Amino acid sequence: MENQRVFLTKKLLENALIKLLKKKSLYNISIRELCDEASINRSTFYKHFSSQFELFNYMEDSLLKGIDSIFGQTNDDEEILEEKLIKILKYLKENKEFSKLLLTNNFDPTFPKKLFSLKGINNAIKLTIHENENELVIKLVTSFIISGSFAIIRTWLDEDCIVKEDILAKLLSSITIKY
């Protein structure tokens, strides 16, 4: 467990990076600029991260781990799926600024694949497909679920989460449950 000082330093850096990413590409953000924005010394930055890319990856991994911890178990039925979707949507909303950057911009084009490769999400998708379907149908349905769900969540974040989480979870689960 990190001590409070390390936690706060990382939080300052995360917030600074989010603020800067709203204005420019990750490739155009310097360590000096990041440290100035976070009001920390460069040496402090380098105690925790080697580059802005490593900080970004740390933030992305943290978000994915948070989602995976919610969706970590196998889903047995529609009700459990909806409950988990509500928790995930609330988690994304709590981390709205970074979630929005990840889902609505092209900072990491592999993020959707990382997100939908999470074990819990993969299990939920598999449960929506009839067991005796051929491989092409499974591939098509999986592609539809992933692309559609991602687009809905991206739009929801882009529209500042104006639809309540429970309503959106119901919509997402109705799209995915036993097509």
Foldseek 3Di string as FASTA:
>chain_A
DDDPVLVLLLVLLVVLLLVVVVPDAQVPDALVSSCVSSVHDSVSVVVPDDGSVRSLVVVLVVLLVVLCVLLVDADDDLVSQLVSQLVNLVSCLVVLSSSLCVLVHVNDVCSLVSNCVRPSNVNLLVQQEDPPDDPVVSVVLSVCLSVVLSVLSNVCSVVSNPDRRSVVSVVSSVSRHND
